[in-house]
Amino acid sequence: MRCPRCEQQEMIKNGKIHNGKQRYKCKNCGRQWVENPQNCRITEETKKIIANCLLEKVSLRGIHRITGVAVSWIQEYSHEIYHKALLTPLSSKKKSDDNRR
């Protein structure tokens, strides 16, 4: 096994993550990683559930209990939604009243 950053083979075991997978640390550059990480994608349906829960003012921990998604990810996602909302201009109503005169 090699370090993903510097490609050196000098590493030490550095504990385990929450699901029991071994964590490693490179002696050369200090990079930490997990061998064969599982890429767990969050579905669009789950994102919609999270967005609805945020609108209903459910706590981050509550959303975590409902969806099983990490609180840190939910927090980052909520900031992303907030900033997108700030940058999105409000649509103006078309003035159809002017045509009625």
PDB file of N, CA and C in Angstrom:
ATOM      1  N   MET A   1       0.849  -1.179   0.000  1.00  0.00           N
ATOM      2  CA  MET A   1       0.000   0.000   0.000  1.00  0.00           C
ATOM      3  C   MET A   1       0.895   1.244   0.000  1.00  0.00           C
ATOM      4  N   ARG A   2       0.434   2.284  -0.703  1.00  0.00           N
ATOM      5  CA  ARG A   2       1.199   3.529  -0.818  1.00  0.00           C
ATOM      6  C   ARG A   2       0.352   4.710  -0.360  1.00  0.00           C
ATOM      7  N   CYS A   3       1.035   5.767   0.061  1.00  0.00           N
ATOM      8  CA  CYS A   3       0.361   7.002   0.455  1.00  0.00           C
ATOM      9  C   CYS A   3      -0.281   7.632  -0.783  1.00  0.00           C
ATOM     10  N   PRO A   4      -1.542   8.050  -0.703  1.00  0.00           N
ATOM     11  CA  PRO A   4      -2.191   8.679  -1.859  1.00  0.00           C
ATOM     12  C   PRO A   4      -1.570  10.015  -2.246  1.00  0.00           C
ATOM     13  N   ARG A   5      -0.891  10.683  -1.318  1.00  0.00           N
ATOM     14  CA  ARG A   5      -0.307  11.992  -1.602  1.00  0.00           C
ATOM     15  C   ARG A   5       1.115  11.884  -2.143  1.00  0.00           C
ATOM     16  N   CYS A   6       2.009  11.197  -1.391  1.00  0.00           N
ATOM     17  CA  CYS A   6       3.431  11.216  -1.760  1.00  0.00           C
ATOM     18  C   CYS A   6       3.933   9.881  -2.306  1.00  0.00           C
ATOM     19  N   GLU A   7       3.074   8.874  -2.372  1.00  0.00           N
ATOM     20  CA  GLU A   7       3.396   7.563  -2.936  1.00  0.00           C
ATOM     21  C   GLU A   7       4.460   6.779  -2.156  1.00  0.00           C
ATOM     22  N   GLN A   8       4.771   7.202  -0.943  1.00  0.00           N
ATOM     23  CA  GLN A   8       5.731   6.465  -0.117  1.00  0.00           C
ATOM     24  C   GLN A   8       5.047   5.250   0.502  1.00  0.00           C
ATOM     25  N   GLN A   9       5.859   4.269   0.890  1.00  0.00           N
ATOM     26  CA  GLN A   9       5.300   3.062   1.489  1.00  0.00           C
ATOM     27  C   GLN A   9       5.482   3.033   3.000  1.00  0.00           C
ATOM     28  N   GLU A  10       6.062   4.070   3.571  1.00  0.00           N
ATOM     29  CA  GLU A  10       6.268   4.108   5.016  1.00  0.00           C
ATOM     30  C   GLU A  10       5.030   4.692   5.680  1.00  0.00           C
ATOM     31  N   MET A  11       4.284   3.811   6.351  1.00  0.00           N
ATOM     32  CA  MET A  11       3.064   4.260   7.013  1.00  0.00           C
ATOM     33  C   MET A  11       2.894   3.511   8.319  1.00  0.00           C
ATOM     34  N   ILE A  12       2.022   4.049   9.165  1.00  0.00           N
ATOM     35  CA  ILE A  12       1.695   3.395  10.425  1.00  0.00           C
ATOM     36  C   ILE A  12       0.180   3.287  10.532  1.00  0.00           C
ATOM     37  N   LYS A  13      -0.257   2.306  11.296  1.00  0.00           N
ATOM     38  CA  LYS A  13      -1.684   2.212  11.576  1.00  0.00           C
ATOM     39  C   LYS A  13      -2.037   3.355  12.515  1.00  0.00           C
ATOM     40  N   ASN A  14      -3.185   3.972  12.273  1.00  0.00           N
ATOM     41  CA  ASN A  14      -3.555   5.160  13.041  1.00  0.00           C
ATOM     42  C   ASN A  14      -5.010   5.072  13.494  1.00  0.00           C
ATOM     43  N   GLY A  15      -5.343   3.992  14.175  1.00  0.00           N
ATOM     44  CA  GLY A  15      -6.693   3.831  14.695  1.00  0.00           C
ATOM     45  C   GLY A  15      -7.654   3.303  13.659  1.00  0.00           C
ATOM     46  N   LYS A  16      -8.930   3.378  13.998  1.00  0.00           N
ATOM     47  CA  LYS A  16      -9.986   2.908  13.106  1.00  0.00           C
ATOM     48  C   LYS A  16     -11.087   3.957  13.056  1.00  0.00           C
ATOM     49  N   ILE A  17     -11.837   3.947  11.959  1.00  0.00           N
ATOM     50  CA  ILE A  17     -12.955   4.877  11.841  1.00  0.00           C
ATOM     51  C   ILE A  17     -14.197   4.247  12.453  1.00  0.00           C
ATOM     52  N   HIS A  18     -15.309   4.984  12.456  1.00  0.00           N
ATOM     53  CA  HIS A  18     -16.527   4.572  13.146  1.00  0.00           C
ATOM     54  C   HIS A  18     -17.061   3.209  12.729  1.00  0.00           C
ATOM     55  N   ASN A  19     -16.810   2.797  11.502  1.00  0.00           N
ATOM     56  CA  ASN A  19     -17.334   1.503  11.057  1.00  0.00           C
ATOM     57  C   ASN A  19     -16.304   0.380  11.156  1.00  0.00           C
ATOM     58  N   GLY A  20     -15.174   0.646  11.816  1.00  0.00           N
ATOM     59  CA  GLY A  20     -14.176  -0.386  12.069  1.00  0.00           C
ATOM     60  C   GLY A  20     -13.081  -0.498  11.030  1.00  0.00           C
ATOM     61  N   LYS A  21     -13.116   0.319   9.975  1.00  0.00           N
ATOM     62  CA  LYS A  21     -12.069   0.256   8.956  1.00  0.00           C
ATOM     63  C   LYS A  21     -10.780   0.864   9.488  1.00  0.00           C
ATOM     64  N   GLN A  22      -9.654   0.262   9.089  1.00  0.00           N
ATOM     65  CA  GLN A  22      -8.340   0.703   9.539  1.00  0.00           C
ATOM     66  C   GLN A  22      -7.979   2.048   8.912  1.00  0.00           C
ATOM     67  N   ARG A  23      -7.452   2.958   9.740  1.00  0.00           N
ATOM     68  CA  ARG A  23      -6.961   4.247   9.264  1.00  0.00           C
ATOM     69  C   ARG A  23      -5.430   4.185   9.281  1.00  0.00           C
ATOM     70  N   TYR A  24      -4.799   4.787   8.277  1.00  0.00           N
ATOM     71  CA  TYR A  24      -3.344   4.798   8.173  1.00  0.00           C
ATOM     72  C   TYR A  24      -2.835   6.228   8.143  1.00  0.00           C
ATOM     73  N   LYS A  25      -1.563   6.389   8.535  1.00  0.00           N
ATOM     74  CA  LYS A  25      -0.916   7.701   8.491  1.00  0.00           C
ATOM     75  C   LYS A  25       0.458   7.536   7.866  1.00  0.00           C
ATOM     76  N   CYS A  26       0.777   8.400   6.910  1.00  0.00           N
ATOM     77  CA  CYS A  26       2.066   8.364   6.228  1.00  0.00           C
ATOM     78  C   CYS A  26       3.134   8.959   7.138  1.00  0.00           C
ATOM     79  N   LYS A  27       4.244   8.251   7.295  1.00  0.00           N
ATOM     80  CA  LYS A  27       5.349   8.764   8.114  1.00  0.00           C
ATOM     81  C   LYS A  27       6.054   9.917   7.413  1.00  0.00           C
ATOM     82  N   ASN A  28       5.986   9.947   6.095  1.00  0.00           N
ATOM     83  CA  ASN A  28       6.696  10.960   5.326  1.00  0.00           C
ATOM     84  C   ASN A  28       5.966  12.310   5.307  1.00  0.00           C
ATOM     85  N   CYS A  29       4.687  12.319   4.911  1.00  0.00           N
ATOM     86  CA  CYS A  29       3.977  13.596   4.737  1.00  0.00           C
ATOM     87  C   CYS A  29       2.874  13.830   5.767  1.00  0.00           C
ATOM     88  N   GLY A  30       2.517  12.809   6.544  1.00  0.00           N
ATOM     89  CA  GLY A  30       1.502  12.981   7.576  1.00  0.00           C
ATOM     90  C   GLY A  30       0.071  12.799   7.106  1.00  0.00           C
ATOM     91  N   ARG A  31      -0.119  12.498   5.841  1.00  0.00           N
ATOM     92  CA  ARG A  31      -1.471  12.296   5.295  1.00  0.00           C
ATOM     93  C   ARG A  31      -2.129  11.096   5.966  1.00  0.00           C
ATOM     94  N   GLN A  32      -3.415  11.228   6.288  1.00  0.00           N
ATOM     95  CA  GLN A  32      -4.183  10.131   6.871  1.00  0.00           C
ATOM     96  C   GLN A  32      -5.226   9.680   5.860  1.00  0.00           C
ATOM     97  N   TRP A  33      -5.464   8.381   5.807  1.00  0.00           N
ATOM     98  CA  TRP A  33      -6.453   7.852   4.884  1.00  0.00           C
ATOM     99  C   TRP A  33      -6.940   6.496   5.343  1.00  0.00           C
ATOM    100  N   VAL A  34      -8.008   6.050   4.707  1.00  0.00           N
ATOM    101  CA  VAL A  34      -8.586   4.737   4.956  1.00  0.00           C
ATOM    102  C   VAL A  34      -8.434   3.936   3.677  1.00  0.00           C
ATOM    103  N   GLU A  35      -7.965   2.707   3.813  1.00  0.00           N
ATOM    104  CA  GLU A  35      -7.824   1.851   2.645  1.00  0.00           C
ATOM    105  C   GLU A  35      -9.206   1.442   2.151  1.00  0.00           C
ATOM    106  N   ASN A  36      -9.410   1.518   0.852  1.00  0.00           N
ATOM    107  CA  ASN A  36     -10.679   1.161   0.208  1.00  0.00           C
ATOM    108  C   ASN A  36     -11.875   1.847   0.859  1.00  0.00           C
ATOM    109  N   PRO A  37     -11.906   3.184   0.853  1.00  0.00           N
ATOM    110  CA  PRO A  37     -13.058   3.866   1.454  1.00  0.00           C
ATOM    111  C   PRO A  37     -14.315   3.571   0.644  1.00  0.00           C
ATOM    112  N   GLN A  38     -15.411   3.493   1.338  1.00  0.00           N
ATOM    113  CA  GLN A  38     -16.682   3.224   0.678  1.00  0.00           C
ATOM    114  C   GLN A  38     -17.272   4.556   0.245  1.00  0.00           C
ATOM    115  N   ASN A  39     -17.494   4.711  -1.035  1.00  0.00           N
ATOM    116  CA  ASN A  39     -18.091   5.945  -1.541  1.00  0.00           C
ATOM    117  C   ASN A  39     -19.593   5.875  -1.353  1.00  0.00           C
ATOM    118  N   CYS A  40     -20.065   6.506  -0.324  1.00  0.00           N
ATOM    119  CA  CYS A  40     -21.490   6.488  -0.010  1.00  0.00           C
ATOM    120  C   CYS A  40     -22.105   7.788  -0.524  1.00  0.00           C
ATOM    121  N   ARG A  41     -22.818   7.699  -1.612  1.00  0.00           N
ATOM    122  CA  ARG A  41     -23.458   8.872  -2.200  1.00  0.00           C
ATOM    123  C   ARG A  41     -24.807   9.117  -1.537  1.00  0.00           C
ATOM    124  N   ILE A  42     -25.137  10.369  -1.390  1.00  0.00           N
ATOM    125  CA  ILE A  42     -26.427  10.742  -0.821  1.00  0.00           C
ATOM    126  C   ILE A  42     -27.374  10.993  -1.985  1.00  0.00           C
ATOM    127  N   THR A  43     -28.479  10.273  -2.005  1.00  0.00           N
ATOM    128  CA  THR A  43     -29.404  10.335  -3.134  1.00  0.00           C
ATOM    129  C   THR A  43     -30.138  11.676  -3.165  1.00  0.00           C
ATOM    130  N   GLU A  44     -30.684  11.986  -4.331  1.00  0.00           N
ATOM    131  CA  GLU A  44     -31.464  13.216  -4.485  1.00  0.00           C
ATOM    132  C   GLU A  44     -32.703  13.179  -3.596  1.00  0.00           C
ATOM    133  N   GLU A  45     -33.273  11.997  -3.429  1.00  0.00           N
ATOM    134  CA  GLU A  45     -34.444  11.859  -2.565  1.00  0.00           C
ATOM    135  C   GLU A  45     -34.091  12.212  -1.122  1.00  0.00           C
ATOM    136  N   THR A  46     -32.932  11.738  -0.659  1.00  0.00           N
ATOM    137  CA  THR A  46     -32.489  12.052   0.701  1.00  0.00           C
ATOM    138  C   THR A  46     -32.222  13.543   0.838  1.00  0.00           C
ATOM    139  N   LYS A  47     -31.648  14.159  -0.201  1.00  0.00           N
ATOM    140  CA  LYS A  47     -31.399  15.604  -0.165  1.00  0.00           C
ATOM    141  C   LYS A  47     -32.714  16.376  -0.059  1.00  0.00           C
ATOM    142  N   LYS A  48     -33.752  15.905  -0.756  1.00  0.00           N
ATOM    143  CA  LYS A  48     -35.064  16.560  -0.672  1.00  0.00           C
ATOM    144  C   LYS A  48     -35.643  16.430   0.732  1.00  0.00           C
ATOM    145  N   ILE A  49     -35.481  15.255   1.326  1.00  0.00           N
ATOM    146  CA  ILE A  49     -35.961  15.045   2.699  1.00  0.00           C
ATOM    147  C   ILE A  49     -35.235  15.993   3.645  1.00  0.00           C
ATOM    148  N   ILE A  50     -33.916  16.117   3.472  1.00  0.00           N
ATOM    149  CA  ILE A  50     -33.122  17.005   4.325  1.00  0.00           C
ATOM    150  C   ILE A  50     -33.580  18.447   4.146  1.00  0.00           C
ATOM    151  N   ALA A  51     -33.778  18.876   2.894  1.00  0.00           N
ATOM    152  CA  ALA A  51     -34.219  20.248   2.629  1.00  0.00           C
ATOM    153  C   ALA A  51     -35.582  20.516   3.264  1.00  0.00           C
ATOM    154  N   ASN A  52     -36.498  19.563   3.159  1.00  0.00           N
ATOM    155  CA  ASN A  52     -37.820  19.728   3.775  1.00  0.00           C
ATOM    156  C   ASN A  52     -37.719  19.789   5.292  1.00  0.00           C
ATOM    157  N   CYS A  53     -36.867  18.960   5.860  1.00  0.00           N
ATOM    158  CA  CYS A  53     -36.670  18.990   7.317  1.00  0.00           C
ATOM    159  C   CYS A  53     -36.092  20.333   7.755  1.00  0.00           C
ATOM    160  N   LEU A  54     -35.162  20.878   6.961  1.00  0.00           N
ATOM    161  CA  LEU A  54     -34.591  22.186   7.292  1.00  0.00           C
ATOM    162  C   LEU A  54     -35.670  23.263   7.247  1.00  0.00           C
ATOM    163  N   LEU A  55     -36.560  23.195   6.253  1.00  0.00           N
ATOM    164  CA  LEU A  55     -37.659  24.162   6.161  1.00  0.00           C
ATOM    165  C   LEU A  55     -38.598  24.051   7.352  1.00  0.00           C
ATOM    166  N   GLU A  56     -38.763  22.842   7.863  1.00  0.00           N
ATOM    167  CA  GLU A  56     -39.632  22.613   9.023  1.00  0.00           C
ATOM    168  C   GLU A  56     -38.906  22.856  10.344  1.00  0.00           C
ATOM    169  N   LYS A  57     -37.677  23.328  10.257  1.00  0.00           N
ATOM    170  CA  LYS A  57     -36.851  23.671  11.421  1.00  0.00           C
ATOM    171  C   LYS A  57     -36.553  22.473  12.326  1.00  0.00           C
ATOM    172  N   VAL A  58     -36.361  21.307  11.703  1.00  0.00           N
ATOM    173  CA  VAL A  58     -35.921  20.125  12.444  1.00  0.00           C
ATOM    174  C   VAL A  58     -34.433  20.311  12.732  1.00  0.00           C
ATOM    175  N   SER A  59     -33.990  19.921  13.920  1.00  0.00           N
ATOM    176  CA  SER A  59     -32.584  20.093  14.287  1.00  0.00           C
ATOM    177  C   SER A  59     -31.693  19.216  13.412  1.00  0.00           C
ATOM    178  N   LEU A  60     -30.406  19.581  13.333  1.00  0.00           N
ATOM    179  CA  LEU A  60     -29.462  18.802  12.539  1.00  0.00           C
ATOM    180  C   LEU A  60     -29.367  17.372  13.056  1.00  0.00           C
ATOM    181  N   ARG A  61     -29.345  17.225  14.381  1.00  0.00           N
ATOM    182  CA  ARG A  61     -29.285  15.874  14.956  1.00  0.00           C
ATOM    183  C   ARG A  61     -30.566  15.099  14.667  1.00  0.00           C
ATOM    184  N   GLY A  62     -31.687  15.796  14.642  1.00  0.00           N
ATOM    185  CA  GLY A  62     -32.950  15.154  14.290  1.00  0.00           C
ATOM    186  C   GLY A  62     -32.936  14.655  12.853  1.00  0.00           C
ATOM    187  N   ILE A  63     -32.413  15.489  11.956  1.00  0.00           N
ATOM    188  CA  ILE A  63     -32.300  15.087  10.552  1.00  0.00           C
ATOM    189  C   ILE A  63     -31.356  13.895  10.434  1.00  0.00           C
ATOM    190  N   HIS A  64     -30.276  13.910  11.209  1.00  0.00           N
ATOM    191  CA  HIS A  64     -29.333  12.785  11.217  1.00  0.00           C
ATOM    192  C   HIS A  64     -30.039  11.495  11.630  1.00  0.00           C
ATOM    193  N   ARG A  65     -30.868  11.584  12.664  1.00  0.00           N
ATOM    194  CA  ARG A  65     -31.586  10.388  13.131  1.00  0.00           C
ATOM    195  C   ARG A  65     -32.576   9.889  12.076  1.00  0.00           C
ATOM    196  N   ILE A  66     -33.189  10.808  11.345  1.00  0.00           N
ATOM    197  CA  ILE A  66     -34.170  10.435  10.325  1.00  0.00           C
ATOM    198  C   ILE A  66     -33.489   9.803   9.110  1.00  0.00           C
ATOM    199  N   THR A  67     -32.391  10.424   8.643  1.00  0.00           N
ATOM    200  CA  THR A  67     -31.783  10.025   7.370  1.00  0.00           C
ATOM    201  C   THR A  67     -30.540   9.161   7.506  1.00  0.00           C
ATOM    202  N   GLY A  68     -29.855   9.232   8.646  1.00  0.00           N
ATOM    203  CA  GLY A  68     -28.602   8.498   8.807  1.00  0.00           C
ATOM    204  C   GLY A  68     -27.404   9.210   8.200  1.00  0.00           C
ATOM    205  N   VAL A  69     -27.595  10.443   7.733  1.00  0.00           N
ATOM    206  CA  VAL A  69     -26.521  11.235   7.134  1.00  0.00           C
ATOM    207  C   VAL A  69     -25.773  11.965   8.247  1.00  0.00           C
ATOM    208  N   ALA A  70     -24.456  12.095   8.097  1.00  0.00           N
ATOM    209  CA  ALA A  70     -23.627  12.733   9.113  1.00  0.00           C
ATOM    210  C   ALA A  70     -24.057  14.178   9.345  1.00  0.00           C
ATOM    211  N   VAL A  71     -24.030  14.598  10.607  1.00  0.00           N
ATOM    212  CA  VAL A  71     -24.424  15.962  10.977  1.00  0.00           C
ATOM    213  C   VAL A  71     -23.543  16.979  10.259  1.00  0.00           C
ATOM    214  N   SER A  72     -22.241  16.696  10.146  1.00  0.00           N
ATOM    215  CA  SER A  72     -21.329  17.636   9.481  1.00  0.00           C
ATOM    216  C   SER A  72     -21.716  17.824   8.016  1.00  0.00           C
ATOM    217  N   TRP A  73     -22.130  16.749   7.330  1.00  0.00           N
ATOM    218  CA  TRP A  73     -22.544  16.868   5.936  1.00  0.00           C
ATOM    219  C   TRP A  73     -23.831  17.675   5.838  1.00  0.00           C
ATOM    220  N   ILE A  74     -24.769  17.419   6.737  1.00  0.00           N
ATOM    221  CA  ILE A  74     -26.042  18.148   6.733  1.00  0.00           C
ATOM    222  C   ILE A  74     -25.786  19.638   6.931  1.00  0.00           C
ATOM    223  N   GLN A  75     -24.860  19.974   7.826  1.00  0.00           N
ATOM    224  CA  GLN A  75     -24.543  21.376   8.080  1.00  0.00           C
ATOM    225  C   GLN A  75     -23.947  22.026   6.836  1.00  0.00           C
ATOM    226  N   GLU A  76     -23.012  21.350   6.172  1.00  0.00           N
ATOM    227  CA  GLU A  76     -22.426  21.890   4.943  1.00  0.00           C
ATOM    228  C   GLU A  76     -23.493  22.054   3.860  1.00  0.00           C
ATOM    229  N   TYR A  77     -24.375  21.073   3.749  1.00  0.00           N
ATOM    230  CA  TYR A  77     -25.436  21.122   2.742  1.00  0.00           C
ATOM    231  C   TYR A  77     -26.403  22.269   3.021  1.00  0.00           C
ATOM    232  N   SER A  78     -26.716  22.500   4.291  1.00  0.00           N
ATOM    233  CA  SER A  78     -27.626  23.599   4.634  1.00  0.00           C
ATOM    234  C   SER A  78     -26.994  24.947   4.291  1.00  0.00           C
ATOM    235  N   HIS A  79     -25.680  25.085   4.508  1.00  0.00           N
ATOM    236  CA  HIS A  79     -24.990  26.324   4.124  1.00  0.00           C
ATOM    237  C   HIS A  79     -25.011  26.492   2.607  1.00  0.00           C
ATOM    238  N   GLU A  80     -24.825  25.395   1.879  1.00  0.00           N
ATOM    239  CA  GLU A  80     -24.851  25.440   0.420  1.00  0.00           C
ATOM    240  C   GLU A  80     -26.217  25.899  -0.083  1.00  0.00           C
ATOM    241  N   ILE A  81     -27.279  25.344   0.484  1.00  0.00           N
ATOM    242  CA  ILE A  81     -28.640  25.734   0.101  1.00  0.00           C
ATOM    243  C   ILE A  81     -28.867  27.214   0.404  1.00  0.00           C
ATOM    244  N   TYR A  82     -28.423  27.658   1.570  1.00  0.00           N
ATOM    245  CA  TYR A  82     -28.600  29.044   1.991  1.00  0.00           C
ATOM    246  C   TYR A  82     -27.901  29.999   1.026  1.00  0.00           C
ATOM    247  N   HIS A  83     -26.648  29.693   0.679  1.00  0.00           N
ATOM    248  CA  HIS A  83     -25.901  30.584  -0.208  1.00  0.00           C
ATOM    249  C   HIS A  83     -26.482  30.588  -1.624  1.00  0.00           C
ATOM    250  N   LYS A  84     -26.988  29.447  -2.083  1.00  0.00           N
ATOM    251  CA  LYS A  84     -27.646  29.418  -3.395  1.00  0.00           C
ATOM    252  C   LYS A  84     -28.900  30.283  -3.377  1.00  0.00           C
ATOM    253  N   ALA A  85     -29.630  30.248  -2.265  1.00  0.00           N
ATOM    254  CA  ALA A  85     -30.846  31.055  -2.144  1.00  0.00           C
ATOM    255  C   ALA A  85     -30.513  32.542  -2.146  1.00  0.00           C
ATOM    256  N   LEU A  86     -29.400  32.915  -1.519  1.00  0.00           N
ATOM    257  CA  LEU A  86     -28.997  34.324  -1.500  1.00  0.00           C
ATOM    258  C   LEU A  86     -28.622  34.819  -2.887  1.00  0.00           C
ATOM    259  N   LEU A  87     -28.011  33.955  -3.692  1.00  0.00           N
ATOM    260  CA  LEU A  87     -27.543  34.361  -5.009  1.00  0.00           C
ATOM    261  C   LEU A  87     -28.626  34.295  -6.082  1.00  0.00           C
ATOM    262  N   THR A  88     -29.726  33.621  -5.799  1.00  0.00           N
ATOM    263  CA  THR A  88     -30.801  33.482  -6.772  1.00  0.00           C
ATOM    264  C   THR A  88     -31.701  34.712  -6.714  1.00  0.00           C
ATOM    265  N   PRO A  89     -31.807  35.452  -7.829  1.00  0.00           N
ATOM    266  CA  PRO A  89     -32.679  36.636  -7.815  1.00  0.00           C
ATOM    267  C   PRO A  89     -34.144  36.221  -7.776  1.00  0.00           C
ATOM    268  N   LEU A  90     -34.936  37.038  -7.125  1.00  0.00           N
ATOM    269  CA  LEU A  90     -36.369  36.781  -7.077  1.00  0.00           C
ATOM    270  C   LEU A  90     -36.963  37.102  -8.437  1.00  0.00           C
ATOM    271  N   SER A  91     -37.863  36.261  -8.905  1.00  0.00           N
ATOM    272  CA  SER A  91     -38.473  36.505 -10.210  1.00  0.00           C
ATOM    273  C   SER A  91     -39.509  37.612 -10.058  1.00  0.00           C
ATOM    274  N   SER A  92     -39.497  38.539 -10.985  1.00  0.00           N
ATOM    275  CA  SER A  92     -40.454  39.643 -10.922  1.00  0.00           C
ATOM    276  C   SER A  92     -41.730  39.236 -11.650  1.00  0.00           C
ATOM    277  N   LYS A  93     -42.846  39.744 -11.142  1.00  0.00           N
ATOM    278  CA  LYS A  93     -44.131  39.447 -11.778  1.00  0.00           C
ATOM    279  C   LYS A  93     -44.220  40.198 -13.098  1.00  0.00           C
ATOM    280  N   LYS A  94     -44.794  39.532 -14.091  1.00  0.00           N
ATOM    281  CA  LYS A  94     -45.022  40.212 -15.362  1.00  0.00           C
ATOM    282  C   LYS A  94     -46.208  41.145 -15.183  1.00  0.00           C
ATOM    283  N   LYS A  95     -46.090  42.305 -15.741  1.00  0.00           N
ATOM    284  CA  LYS A  95     -47.147  43.302 -15.581  1.00  0.00           C
ATOM    285  C   LYS A  95     -48.246  43.050 -16.609  1.00  0.00           C
ATOM    286  N   SER A  96     -49.154  42.171 -16.251  1.00  0.00           N
ATOM    287  CA  SER A  96     -50.281  41.892 -17.147  1.00  0.00           C
ATOM    288  C   SER A  96     -51.399  42.906 -16.932  1.00  0.00           C
ATOM    289  N   ASP A  97     -51.319  43.672 -15.829  1.00  0.00           N
ATOM    290  CA  ASP A  97     -52.338  44.681 -15.549  1.00  0.00           C
ATOM    291  C   ASP A  97     -52.297  45.816 -16.566  1.00  0.00           C
ATOM    292  N   ASP A  98     -51.120  46.102 -17.135  1.00  0.00           N
ATOM    293  CA  ASP A  98     -50.994  47.182 -18.104  1.00  0.00           C
ATOM    294  C   ASP A  98     -51.773  46.881 -19.385  1.00  0.00           C
ATOM    295  N   ASN A  99     -51.913  45.632 -19.713  1.00  0.00           N
ATOM    296  CA  ASN A  99     -52.611  45.244 -20.941  1.00  0.00           C
ATOM    297  C   ASN A  99     -54.127  45.307 -20.790  1.00  0.00           C
ATOM    298  N   ARG A 100     -54.617  45.370 -19.569  1.00  0.00           N
ATOM    299  CA  ARG A 100     -56.056  45.357 -19.327  1.00  0.00           C
ATOM    300  C   ARG A 100     -56.688  46.735 -19.509  1.00  0.00           C
ATOM    301  N   ARG A 101     -55.951  47.776 -19.607  1.00  0.00           N
ATOM    302  CA  ARG A 101     -56.498  49.136 -19.718  1.00  0.00           C
ATOM    303  C   ARG A 101     -57.170  49.363 -20.977  1.00  0.00           C
TER     304      ARG A 101
END
